[in-house]
Amino acid sequence: MSCIEARGLRKVYGNTVALDGVDLRVEEGRIVGLIGPNGAGKSTALNAILGLAPFQGELKVLGRNPWTERDQLMRDVCFIADVAVLPRWMRVTQALDYVAGVHPRFDRAKAEGFLEKTTIKRTSKVRELSKGMVTQLHLALVMAIDAKLLLLDEPTLGLDILFRKQFYDSLLNDYFDKTRTIVVTTHQVEEIEHVLTDLMFINRGRIVLDCSMDALESRYLEVMVVPEHAAAARALKPIHERQVFGRSILLFEHADREQLAALGEVRTPGIADLFVAVMGTQPAGVPGVAA
């Protein structure tokens, strides 16, 4: 069953095309990484999914039109923006009280459990918390809501590497199950590779890559070759090449593993390296398209 389905999704701001006929399908029970450079259309796509902006084309989220049925949809959707905003005068206990009072699917005990892993005091006011602590509090509140769809826009912004790892561990072990769907955007792509089931690259308002992580392993290969094998490797038409410590690393799509193994060390590329390669094959921007 699809959780999100879009056909010809388009959004224009003045003369700028933010989404340019996007087609996508996110199945239930998946963790999808939506990766793209600044201005690629990630936030616009999330706003359309959340019913925060009108759009052209077709879009269904949990079977509903998010623009016309947003009230009903928000019972089953949670969102964490790239900047966690909570009233600065509010105490942590008051934040827990408030969410418990307004959202019928909020599990206070679960939120308390998330907070137990932090140094946040329940009596502290938001203005007394560090930026990382505010983010942790926001995450605890949202992840304690029993939602079918969780949208995360740079969810660990402001957290140090230890807390970022704890967040993704909690996401997998304490929140995610096969009935929930998660869509996450982040620039820290190396940290979410082990979490994702699916990967999408977006550039200039268009989806330029859409595949499962399992398919990625068979679709893309990279090989590190010594100088004497570089010419033979280039003859196989890689989609990208980079240099590391005097050795060439070439990235291939739909290549023969055994053929590449004869030229050097073969491995599955990381998301960051694949992103650089795919973005490098995209045509230059045109006037009126978000860049």
C-alpha atoms as a PDB file:
ATOM      1  CA  MET A   1       0.000   0.000   0.000  1.00  0.00           C
ATOM      2  CA  SER A   2       1.344   3.433  -0.904  1.00  0.00           C
ATOM      3  CA  CYS A   3       1.738   6.020   1.840  1.00  0.00           C
ATOM      4  CA  ILE A   4       2.605   8.895  -0.516  1.00  0.00           C
ATOM      5  CA  GLU A   5       1.825   8.991  -4.209  1.00  0.00           C
ATOM      6  CA  ALA A   6       2.386  11.930  -6.553  1.00  0.00           C
ATOM      7  CA  ARG A   7       1.882  12.359 -10.290  1.00  0.00           C
ATOM      8  CA  GLY A   8       2.927  15.471 -12.135  1.00  0.00           C
ATOM      9  CA  LEU A   9       3.408  17.355  -8.866  1.00  0.00           C
ATOM     10  CA  ARG A  10       4.268  20.937  -9.685  1.00  0.00           C
ATOM     11  CA  LYS A  11       4.776  24.075  -7.621  1.00  0.00           C
ATOM     12  CA  VAL A  12       5.740  27.496  -8.956  1.00  0.00           C
ATOM     13  CA  TYR A  13       6.693  30.584  -6.955  1.00  0.00           C
ATOM     14  CA  GLY A  14       6.534  33.558  -9.296  1.00  0.00           C
ATOM     15  CA  ASN A  15       8.988  32.724 -12.074  1.00  0.00           C
ATOM     16  CA  THR A  16      10.694  29.951 -10.092  1.00  0.00           C
ATOM     17  CA  VAL A  17       9.720  26.317 -10.631  1.00  0.00           C
ATOM     18  CA  ALA A  18      10.236  24.598  -7.262  1.00  0.00           C
ATOM     19  CA  LEU A  19       8.704  21.244  -8.262  1.00  0.00           C
ATOM     20  CA  ASP A  20       8.715  20.339 -11.931  1.00  0.00           C
ATOM     21  CA  GLY A  21       6.269  17.480 -12.619  1.00  0.00           C
ATOM     22  CA  VAL A  22       7.423  15.148  -9.842  1.00  0.00           C
ATOM     23  CA  ASP A  23       6.260  11.522  -9.923  1.00  0.00           C
ATOM     24  CA  LEU A  24       6.959   9.478  -6.813  1.00  0.00           C
ATOM     25  CA  ARG A  25       5.585   6.627  -4.752  1.00  0.00           C
ATOM     26  CA  VAL A  26       6.498   5.827  -1.143  1.00  0.00           C
ATOM     27  CA  GLU A  27       5.276   2.494   0.135  1.00  0.00           C
ATOM     28  CA  GLU A  28       4.053   1.951   3.681  1.00  0.00           C
ATOM     29  CA  GLY A  29       6.649   0.799   6.184  1.00  0.00           C
ATOM     30  CA  ARG A  30       9.695   2.319   4.454  1.00  0.00           C
ATOM     31  CA  ILE A  31      12.395   4.772   5.545  1.00  0.00           C
ATOM     32  CA  VAL A  32      13.110   7.086   2.640  1.00  0.00           C
ATOM     33  CA  GLY A  33      16.014   9.492   2.354  1.00  0.00           C
ATOM     34  CA  LEU A  34      15.143  12.540   0.227  1.00  0.00           C
ATOM     35  CA  ILE A  35      18.515  14.046  -0.654  1.00  0.00           C
ATOM     36  CA  GLY A  36      19.247  17.137  -2.687  1.00  0.00           C
ATOM     37  CA  PRO A  37      21.297  20.351  -2.746  1.00  0.00           C
ATOM     38  CA  ASN A  38      19.950  23.578  -1.295  1.00  0.00           C
ATOM     39  CA  GLY A  39      17.092  24.888  -3.404  1.00  0.00           C
ATOM     40  CA  ALA A  40      16.430  21.502  -5.017  1.00  0.00           C
ATOM     41  CA  GLY A  41      12.771  21.345  -3.927  1.00  0.00           C
ATOM     42  CA  LYS A  42      12.997  19.212  -0.765  1.00  0.00           C
ATOM     43  CA  SER A  43      11.218  21.657   1.547  1.00  0.00           C
ATOM     44  CA  THR A  44       8.608  22.461  -1.100  1.00  0.00           C
ATOM     45  CA  ALA A  45       7.854  18.750  -1.476  1.00  0.00           C
ATOM     46  CA  LEU A  46       7.505  18.347   2.295  1.00  0.00           C
ATOM     47  CA  ASN A  47       5.223  21.399   2.483  1.00  0.00           C
ATOM     48  CA  ALA A  48       2.979  19.924  -0.212  1.00  0.00           C
ATOM     49  CA  ILE A  49       2.853  16.561   1.592  1.00  0.00           C
ATOM     50  CA  LEU A  50       1.944  18.355   4.840  1.00  0.00           C
ATOM     51  CA  GLY A  51      -0.812  20.398   3.185  1.00  0.00           C
ATOM     52  CA  LEU A  52       1.011  23.667   3.889  1.00  0.00           C
ATOM     53  CA  ALA A  53       1.055  24.790   0.255  1.00  0.00           C
ATOM     54  CA  PRO A  54      -1.281  24.340  -2.731  1.00  0.00           C
ATOM     55  CA  PHE A  55       0.072  22.483  -5.739  1.00  0.00           C
ATOM     56  CA  GLN A  56      -0.676  21.393  -9.274  1.00  0.00           C
ATOM     57  CA  GLY A  57      -0.917  17.740 -10.219  1.00  0.00           C
ATOM     58  CA  GLU A  58      -2.041  14.786  -8.113  1.00  0.00           C
ATOM     59  CA  LEU A  59      -0.913  14.078  -4.569  1.00  0.00           C
ATOM     60  CA  LYS A  60      -2.295  11.578  -2.073  1.00  0.00           C
ATOM     61  CA  VAL A  61      -0.909  11.130   1.437  1.00  0.00           C
ATOM     62  CA  LEU A  62      -2.359   8.200   3.378  1.00  0.00           C
ATOM     63  CA  GLY A  63      -5.135   8.214   0.791  1.00  0.00           C
ATOM     64  CA  ARG A  64      -6.017  11.888   1.353  1.00  0.00           C
ATOM     65  CA  ASN A  65      -5.487  15.121  -0.518  1.00  0.00           C
ATOM     66  CA  PRO A  66      -3.272  17.044   1.946  1.00  0.00           C
ATOM     67  CA  TRP A  67      -4.476  20.472   0.789  1.00  0.00           C
ATOM     68  CA  THR A  68      -8.208  19.800   1.122  1.00  0.00           C
ATOM     69  CA  GLU A  69      -8.137  17.190   3.928  1.00  0.00           C
ATOM     70  CA  ARG A  70      -5.338  18.493   6.106  1.00  0.00           C
ATOM     71  CA  ASP A  71      -7.290  18.404   9.398  1.00  0.00           C
ATOM     72  CA  GLN A  72      -7.907  14.671   9.115  1.00  0.00           C
ATOM     73  CA  LEU A  73      -4.433  13.961   7.744  1.00  0.00           C
ATOM     74  CA  MET A  74      -2.618  15.634  10.635  1.00  0.00           C
ATOM     75  CA  ARG A  75      -4.030  13.029  13.040  1.00  0.00           C
ATOM     76  CA  ASP A  76      -1.718  10.519  11.376  1.00  0.00           C
ATOM     77  CA  VAL A  77       1.295  12.672  10.415  1.00  0.00           C
ATOM     78  CA  CYS A  78       4.135  14.190  12.453  1.00  0.00           C
ATOM     79  CA  PHE A  79       6.737  16.675  11.281  1.00  0.00           C
ATOM     80  CA  ILE A  80      10.072  17.880  12.616  1.00  0.00           C
ATOM     81  CA  ALA A  81      11.363  21.007  10.886  1.00  0.00           C
ATOM     82  CA  ASP A  82      15.019  21.887  10.483  1.00  0.00           C
ATOM     83  CA  VAL A  83      14.641  24.480  13.240  1.00  0.00           C
ATOM     84  CA  ALA A  84      13.004  23.259  16.450  1.00  0.00           C
ATOM     85  CA  VAL A  85      10.744  26.037  17.750  1.00  0.00           C
ATOM     86  CA  LEU A  86       9.212  25.843  21.218  1.00  0.00           C
ATOM     87  CA  PRO A  87       7.954  28.719  23.423  1.00  0.00           C
ATOM     88  CA  ARG A  88      10.963  29.977  25.355  1.00  0.00           C
ATOM     89  CA  TRP A  89       8.933  30.650  28.510  1.00  0.00           C
ATOM     90  CA  MET A  90       7.586  27.105  28.712  1.00  0.00           C
ATOM     91  CA  ARG A  91       8.949  24.529  31.137  1.00  0.00           C
ATOM     92  CA  VAL A  92       9.673  20.993  29.953  1.00  0.00           C
ATOM     93  CA  THR A  93       6.834  19.583  32.080  1.00  0.00           C
ATOM     94  CA  GLN A  94       4.459  22.159  30.572  1.00  0.00           C
ATOM     95  CA  ALA A  95       5.474  21.105  27.076  1.00  0.00           C
ATOM     96  CA  LEU A  96       4.649  17.497  27.974  1.00  0.00           C
ATOM     97  CA  ASP A  97       1.323  18.596  29.490  1.00  0.00           C
ATOM     98  CA  TYR A  98       0.420  20.629  26.415  1.00  0.00           C
ATOM     99  CA  VAL A  99       1.069  17.907  23.849  1.00  0.00           C
ATOM    100  CA  ALA A 100      -0.725  15.365  26.053  1.00  0.00           C
ATOM    101  CA  GLY A 101      -3.730  17.684  26.117  1.00  0.00           C
ATOM    102  CA  VAL A 102      -3.952  18.420  22.387  1.00  0.00           C
ATOM    103  CA  HIS A 103      -2.937  15.155  20.711  1.00  0.00           C
ATOM    104  CA  PRO A 104      -4.925  11.991  21.452  1.00  0.00           C
ATOM    105  CA  ARG A 105      -2.093   9.724  20.247  1.00  0.00           C
ATOM    106  CA  PHE A 106       0.648  11.176  22.440  1.00  0.00           C
ATOM    107  CA  ASP A 107       2.287   8.631  24.767  1.00  0.00           C
ATOM    108  CA  ARG A 108       3.675  10.632  27.674  1.00  0.00           C
ATOM    109  CA  ALA A 109       5.482   7.656  29.171  1.00  0.00           C
ATOM    110  CA  LYS A 110       7.345   7.156  25.894  1.00  0.00           C
ATOM    111  CA  ALA A 111       8.325  10.836  25.778  1.00  0.00           C
ATOM    112  CA  GLU A 112       9.585  10.593  29.351  1.00  0.00           C
ATOM    113  CA  GLY A 113      11.599   7.540  28.311  1.00  0.00           C
ATOM    114  CA  PHE A 114      13.283   9.489  25.511  1.00  0.00           C
ATOM    115  CA  LEU A 115      14.059  12.350  27.903  1.00  0.00           C
ATOM    116  CA  GLU A 116      15.603   9.946  30.425  1.00  0.00           C
ATOM    117  CA  LYS A 117      18.428   9.424  27.916  1.00  0.00           C
ATOM    118  CA  THR A 118      19.242  13.148  28.054  1.00  0.00           C
ATOM    119  CA  THR A 119      20.358  15.592  30.758  1.00  0.00           C
ATOM    120  CA  ILE A 120      17.236  17.735  30.353  1.00  0.00           C
ATOM    121  CA  LYS A 121      15.576  18.658  33.662  1.00  0.00           C
ATOM    122  CA  ARG A 122      11.784  18.611  33.707  1.00  0.00           C
ATOM    123  CA  THR A 123      11.681  21.921  35.608  1.00  0.00           C
ATOM    124  CA  SER A 124      13.914  23.767  33.114  1.00  0.00           C
ATOM    125  CA  LYS A 125      12.500  26.420  30.849  1.00  0.00           C
ATOM    126  CA  VAL A 126      13.122  26.174  27.111  1.00  0.00           C
ATOM    127  CA  ARG A 127      15.192  29.374  27.185  1.00  0.00           C
ATOM    128  CA  GLU A 128      17.550  27.706  29.683  1.00  0.00           C
ATOM    129  CA  LEU A 129      18.268  24.782  27.335  1.00  0.00           C
ATOM    130  CA  SER A 130      21.064  24.597  24.810  1.00  0.00           C
ATOM    131  CA  LYS A 131      20.221  24.412  21.116  1.00  0.00           C
ATOM    132  CA  GLY A 132      20.912  20.677  21.160  1.00  0.00           C
ATOM    133  CA  MET A 133      18.673  20.164  24.184  1.00  0.00           C
ATOM    134  CA  VAL A 134      15.790  22.028  22.530  1.00  0.00           C
ATOM    135  CA  THR A 135      16.165  19.707  19.539  1.00  0.00           C
ATOM    136  CA  GLN A 136      16.196  16.675  21.844  1.00  0.00           C
ATOM    137  CA  LEU A 137      13.023  17.861  23.581  1.00  0.00           C
ATOM    138  CA  HIS A 138      11.305  18.463  20.260  1.00  0.00           C
ATOM    139  CA  LEU A 139      12.279  14.980  19.065  1.00  0.00           C
ATOM    140  CA  ALA A 140      11.022  13.375  22.278  1.00  0.00           C
ATOM    141  CA  LEU A 141       7.634  15.079  21.927  1.00  0.00           C
ATOM    142  CA  VAL A 142       7.148  14.152  18.285  1.00  0.00           C
ATOM    143  CA  MET A 143       8.484  10.597  18.436  1.00  0.00           C
ATOM    144  CA  ALA A 144       6.086   9.850  21.303  1.00  0.00           C
ATOM    145  CA  ILE A 145       3.110  10.432  18.981  1.00  0.00           C
ATOM    146  CA  ASP A 146       1.723   7.291  17.358  1.00  0.00           C
ATOM    147  CA  ALA A 147       1.771   8.568  13.779  1.00  0.00           C
ATOM    148  CA  LYS A 148       1.612   6.598  10.544  1.00  0.00           C
ATOM    149  CA  LEU A 149       3.912   9.036   8.707  1.00  0.00           C
ATOM    150  CA  LEU A 150       6.868  10.905  10.161  1.00  0.00           C
ATOM    151  CA  LEU A 151       8.533  13.659   8.117  1.00  0.00           C
ATOM    152  CA  LEU A 152      11.977  14.779   9.267  1.00  0.00           C
ATOM    153  CA  ASP A 153      13.649  17.845   7.769  1.00  0.00           C
ATOM    154  CA  GLU A 154      17.273  17.938   8.994  1.00  0.00           C
ATOM    155  CA  PRO A 155      16.102  16.425  12.313  1.00  0.00           C
ATOM    156  CA  THR A 156      19.487  16.372  14.078  1.00  0.00           C
ATOM    157  CA  LEU A 157      20.561  19.915  13.233  1.00  0.00           C
ATOM    158  CA  GLY A 158      22.362  21.338  16.259  1.00  0.00           C
ATOM    159  CA  LEU A 159      23.144  17.976  17.856  1.00  0.00           C
ATOM    160  CA  ASP A 160      26.678  16.683  18.324  1.00  0.00           C
ATOM    161  CA  ILE A 161      27.703  13.371  16.798  1.00  0.00           C
ATOM    162  CA  LEU A 162      26.905  11.345  19.947  1.00  0.00           C
ATOM    163  CA  PHE A 163      23.318  12.592  20.157  1.00  0.00           C
ATOM    164  CA  ARG A 164      22.852  12.221  16.405  1.00  0.00           C
ATOM    165  CA  LYS A 165      23.770   8.550  16.665  1.00  0.00           C
ATOM    166  CA  GLN A 166      21.451   8.123  19.647  1.00  0.00           C
ATOM    167  CA  PHE A 167      18.622   9.708  17.693  1.00  0.00           C
ATOM    168  CA  TYR A 168      18.902   7.351  14.732  1.00  0.00           C
ATOM    169  CA  ASP A 169      19.284   4.368  17.059  1.00  0.00           C
ATOM    170  CA  SER A 170      16.075   5.425  18.836  1.00  0.00           C
ATOM    171  CA  LEU A 171      14.369   5.969  15.505  1.00  0.00           C
ATOM    172  CA  LEU A 172      15.068   2.362  14.514  1.00  0.00           C
ATOM    173  CA  ASN A 173      14.689   0.615  17.860  1.00  0.00           C
ATOM    174  CA  ASP A 174      11.984   2.617  19.637  1.00  0.00           C
ATOM    175  CA  TYR A 175       9.891   4.205  16.897  1.00  0.00           C
ATOM    176  CA  PHE A 176      10.001   2.494  13.530  1.00  0.00           C
ATOM    177  CA  ASP A 177       7.968  -0.579  12.708  1.00  0.00           C
ATOM    178  CA  LYS A 178       6.578  -2.013   9.484  1.00  0.00           C
ATOM    179  CA  THR A 179       3.360   0.006   9.820  1.00  0.00           C
ATOM    180  CA  ARG A 180       5.076   3.390  10.012  1.00  0.00           C
ATOM    181  CA  THR A 181       6.692   5.344   7.209  1.00  0.00           C
ATOM    182  CA  ILE A 182       9.527   7.846   7.609  1.00  0.00           C
ATOM    183  CA  VAL A 183      10.769  10.426   5.109  1.00  0.00           C
ATOM    184  CA  VAL A 184      13.986  12.201   6.126  1.00  0.00           C
ATOM    185  CA  THR A 185      15.998  14.973   4.492  1.00  0.00           C
ATOM    186  CA  THR A 186      19.544  15.638   5.691  1.00  0.00           C
ATOM    187  CA  HIS A 187      22.942  16.797   4.529  1.00  0.00           C
ATOM    188  CA  GLN A 188      24.623  14.298   6.875  1.00  0.00           C
ATOM    189  CA  VAL A 189      23.981  11.454   4.472  1.00  0.00           C
ATOM    190  CA  GLU A 190      26.712   9.173   5.781  1.00  0.00           C
ATOM    191  CA  GLU A 191      24.898   8.947   9.124  1.00  0.00           C
ATOM    192  CA  ILE A 192      21.638   7.640   7.697  1.00  0.00           C
ATOM    193  CA  GLU A 193      22.892   5.055   5.203  1.00  0.00           C
ATOM    194  CA  HIS A 194      22.324   2.196   7.642  1.00  0.00           C
ATOM    195  CA  VAL A 195      18.811   3.461   8.436  1.00  0.00           C
ATOM    196  CA  LEU A 196      17.323   3.862   4.959  1.00  0.00           C
ATOM    197  CA  THR A 197      15.321   1.340   2.967  1.00  0.00           C
ATOM    198  CA  ASP A 198      14.935   3.679  -0.031  1.00  0.00           C
ATOM    199  CA  LEU A 199      16.798   6.588  -1.559  1.00  0.00           C
ATOM    200  CA  MET A 200      15.621   9.539  -3.656  1.00  0.00           C
ATOM    201  CA  PHE A 201      17.759  12.312  -5.123  1.00  0.00           C
ATOM    202  CA  ILE A 202      16.022  15.536  -6.093  1.00  0.00           C
ATOM    203  CA  ASN A 203      17.585  18.296  -8.171  1.00  0.00           C
ATOM    204  CA  ARG A 204      16.026  21.441  -9.646  1.00  0.00           C
ATOM    205  CA  GLY A 205      12.546  20.264  -8.756  1.00  0.00           C
ATOM    206  CA  ARG A 206      12.877  16.815 -10.354  1.00  0.00           C
ATOM    207  CA  ILE A 207      13.500  13.337  -8.964  1.00  0.00           C
ATOM    208  CA  VAL A 208      16.747  12.205 -10.596  1.00  0.00           C
ATOM    209  CA  LEU A 209      17.214   8.934  -8.699  1.00  0.00           C
ATOM    210  CA  ASP A 210      14.657   6.674  -7.016  1.00  0.00           C
ATOM    211  CA  CYS A 211      15.660   3.199  -5.878  1.00  0.00           C
ATOM    212  CA  SER A 212      15.718   0.899  -2.884  1.00  0.00           C
ATOM    213  CA  MET A 213      18.943   0.439  -0.957  1.00  0.00           C
ATOM    214  CA  ASP A 214      18.943  -3.214  -1.995  1.00  0.00           C
ATOM    215  CA  ALA A 215      18.703  -2.256  -5.673  1.00  0.00           C
ATOM    216  CA  LEU A 216      21.409   0.357  -5.230  1.00  0.00           C
ATOM    217  CA  GLU A 217      23.930  -2.325  -4.272  1.00  0.00           C
ATOM    218  CA  SER A 218      23.409  -4.171  -7.553  1.00  0.00           C
ATOM    219  CA  ARG A 219      22.918  -1.091  -9.744  1.00  0.00           C
ATOM    220  CA  TYR A 220      26.034   0.897  -8.796  1.00  0.00           C
ATOM    221  CA  LEU A 221      29.614  -0.235  -8.240  1.00  0.00           C
ATOM    222  CA  GLU A 222      32.844   1.645  -7.773  1.00  0.00           C
ATOM    223  CA  VAL A 223      36.352   0.344  -8.330  1.00  0.00           C
ATOM    224  CA  MET A 224      39.681   1.668  -7.062  1.00  0.00           C
ATOM    225  CA  VAL A 225      42.322   1.066  -9.712  1.00  0.00           C
ATOM    226  CA  VAL A 226      46.071   1.530  -9.897  1.00  0.00           C
ATOM    227  CA  PRO A 227      47.410   3.834 -12.649  1.00  0.00           C
ATOM    228  CA  GLU A 228      48.233   1.015 -15.070  1.00  0.00           C
ATOM    229  CA  HIS A 229      44.584  -0.131 -15.104  1.00  0.00           C
ATOM    230  CA  ALA A 230      43.021   3.350 -15.280  1.00  0.00           C
ATOM    231  CA  ALA A 231      42.766   3.464 -19.070  1.00  0.00           C
ATOM    232  CA  ALA A 232      41.067   0.054 -19.227  1.00  0.00           C
ATOM    233  CA  ALA A 233      38.608   1.132 -16.531  1.00  0.00           C
ATOM    234  CA  ARG A 234      37.787   4.398 -18.307  1.00  0.00           C
ATOM    235  CA  ALA A 235      37.090   2.449 -21.487  1.00  0.00           C
ATOM    236  CA  LEU A 236      34.114   0.865 -19.678  1.00  0.00           C
ATOM    237  CA  LYS A 237      32.502   4.334 -19.495  1.00  0.00           C
ATOM    238  CA  PRO A 238      32.159   5.183 -15.791  1.00  0.00           C
ATOM    239  CA  ILE A 239      29.654   7.851 -14.800  1.00  0.00           C
ATOM    240  CA  HIS A 240      32.130   9.523 -12.425  1.00  0.00           C
ATOM    241  CA  GLU A 241      35.804   9.501 -11.502  1.00  0.00           C
ATOM    242  CA  ARG A 242      37.716  10.908  -8.534  1.00  0.00           C
ATOM    243  CA  GLN A 243      41.263  10.709  -7.243  1.00  0.00           C
ATOM    244  CA  VAL A 244      42.264   9.526  -3.752  1.00  0.00           C
ATOM    245  CA  PHE A 245      45.939   9.302  -2.750  1.00  0.00           C
ATOM    246  CA  GLY A 246      47.102   8.868  -6.313  1.00  0.00           C
ATOM    247  CA  ARG A 247      44.587   6.173  -7.216  1.00  0.00           C
ATOM    248  CA  SER A 248      41.509   6.532  -9.402  1.00  0.00           C
ATOM    249  CA  ILE A 249      38.067   5.591  -8.095  1.00  0.00           C
ATOM    250  CA  LEU A 250      35.567   5.109 -10.902  1.00  0.00           C
ATOM    251  CA  LEU A 251      31.819   4.738 -10.420  1.00  0.00           C
ATOM    252  CA  PHE A 252      29.758   2.569 -12.776  1.00  0.00           C
ATOM    253  CA  GLU A 253      26.070   1.930 -13.330  1.00  0.00           C
ATOM    254  CA  HIS A 254      24.901  -1.544 -14.420  1.00  0.00           C
ATOM    255  CA  ALA A 255      28.461  -2.826 -14.783  1.00  0.00           C
ATOM    256  CA  ASP A 256      29.753  -6.394 -14.553  1.00  0.00           C
ATOM    257  CA  ARG A 257      31.300  -6.981 -11.113  1.00  0.00           C
ATOM    258  CA  GLU A 258      33.716  -9.664 -12.301  1.00  0.00           C
ATOM    259  CA  GLN A 259      34.976  -7.448 -15.109  1.00  0.00           C
ATOM    260  CA  LEU A 260      35.594  -4.617 -12.664  1.00  0.00           C
ATOM    261  CA  ALA A 261      37.223  -6.935 -10.120  1.00  0.00           C
ATOM    262  CA  ALA A 262      39.965  -7.661 -12.644  1.00  0.00           C
ATOM    263  CA  LEU A 263      40.867  -3.961 -12.579  1.00  0.00           C
ATOM    264  CA  GLY A 264      40.931  -3.290  -8.856  1.00  0.00           C
ATOM    265  CA  GLU A 265      39.054  -3.274  -5.570  1.00  0.00           C
ATOM    266  CA  VAL A 266      35.261  -3.270  -6.088  1.00  0.00           C
ATOM    267  CA  ARG A 267      32.738  -1.986  -3.549  1.00  0.00           C
ATOM    268  CA  THR A 268      29.302  -0.427  -3.258  1.00  0.00           C
ATOM    269  CA  PRO A 269      29.549   3.380  -3.297  1.00  0.00           C
ATOM    270  CA  GLY A 270      28.470   5.433  -0.330  1.00  0.00           C
ATOM    271  CA  ILE A 271      25.463   7.707  -0.669  1.00  0.00           C
ATOM    272  CA  ALA A 272      27.603  10.853  -0.577  1.00  0.00           C
ATOM    273  CA  ASP A 273      29.839   9.684  -3.441  1.00  0.00           C
ATOM    274  CA  LEU A 274      26.825   8.499  -5.447  1.00  0.00           C
ATOM    275  CA  PHE A 275      25.129  11.848  -4.877  1.00  0.00           C
ATOM    276  CA  VAL A 276      28.129  13.769  -6.204  1.00  0.00           C
ATOM    277  CA  ALA A 277      28.290  11.496  -9.255  1.00  0.00           C
ATOM    278  CA  VAL A 278      24.589  11.689 -10.108  1.00  0.00           C
ATOM    279  CA  MET A 279      24.399  15.443  -9.577  1.00  0.00           C
ATOM    280  CA  GLY A 280      27.410  15.818 -11.853  1.00  0.00           C
ATOM    281  CA  THR A 281      25.541  14.145 -14.726  1.00  0.00           C
ATOM    282  CA  GLN A 282      22.613  16.562 -14.498  1.00  0.00           C
ATOM    283  CA  PRO A 283      22.277  19.357 -17.080  1.00  0.00           C
ATOM    284  CA  ALA A 284      23.033  22.902 -16.044  1.00  0.00           C
ATOM    285  CA  GLY A 285      20.220  24.975 -14.591  1.00  0.00           C
ATOM    286  CA  VAL A 286      17.882  26.958 -16.795  1.00  0.00           C
ATOM    287  CA  PRO A 287      16.217  30.288 -16.079  1.00  0.00           C
ATOM    288  CA  GLY A 288      13.162  30.013 -13.877  1.00  0.00           C
ATOM    289  CA  VAL A 289      14.093  26.680 -12.296  1.00  0.00           C
ATOM    290  CA  ALA A 290      15.065  26.513  -8.632  1.00  0.00           C
ATOM    291  CA  ALA A 291      18.793  25.955  -8.179  1.00  0.00           C
END
